[in-house]
Amino acid sequence: MTAYFPAARLRRAAFIGVLCAGLAVTGTGCGEDPDEGTNGVGKLSADKIEEKAKAAATGADSVHLSGTLVSGGKSFTLDMRLKSDGGSGEVKSKDDTFQLLRVGEQLYLKASAAFWGQSDSAGKLGDKYVKVPEGDPSYKQFRGFTDMDVLLDGLLGLEGELAKGSYTKVGHTRAVQVTADAGKGGKLSVSLEGTPYPLLMERAGGAGRVELAEWGKPFPLDPPAQDQTVDYGSQLPTTKETKDQSGEPAPASSKGSGQGANPTKP
């Protein structure tokens, strides 16, 4: 006996098959729960997701930040590993590349000879870490790039009404997006796997895009070797970054107060 299927039923079955195939390509099969196997934060409101992400970041021992920041009209590319008592890595501006290392309150800076301008010591400092005295105007400016709390506090701020966005991936990790002011106030991607750490921050007004990775991963943080360190005592050689038009040392341009200026503030 041959079964008979009306044409409408056949068309409906074909449509459903195509629809399910399309959903499977995008990672959500027909009838599947998109939150299955996740940490569940995707089911929460946008406000709660942001709250969970900030709490996870606050409780972490370390993080690796990489990407771009715009601060004070200047664009910086950073690649920094940070923890509560210091950090190390590289910061690039349009004119210079800096290697930064902070162990406790001791901050060390390695820059090109050009950065040191016309100082008598410029030619000797291109491949050395220079100890930055806490009283020097450069200290707050550079310390901010090595301060985990300062950078996270500035980065993880969304501006405007929050809304839950789509599910996505950051690298190989599934994430849910939280947008502010329809994306104009920033966009935060939060991990759907394990601890709901922030994974990607796209700042408001095109002020930068930073990936946050290796949460809680330990890394060594030691002072540079003595033969690779130069200590000028209470004041650095005059640099092009700390000179104003009169030729006198000028305060650091980054805004902020306390232990370190916040380079994430516009």
Foldseek 3Di string as FASTA:
>chain_A
DDDDDDPVVVVVVVVVVVVQVVCVVVPAGVPRDPLPQFPPCLVDWLVVLLVLQVVLLVPFFKKWKFKWFAFPNWIKTWTWIAGAQWIWGWIDTPVWIWTWAGGRLWIWIAIALVQLPPFPCSVVRNQAIETAAQPELCSQVVRQVIHSVLACVLQSDFDADKGKADWDDDVNFIWTKIDHPNNQRWIWTFGRHDRGHTAWIQHHPRRIIMGMDPTNPDDDHDDDDPVRYDYPPRYDRDGPQQQDPVRDGHHHPADDDDSHGRRNHD
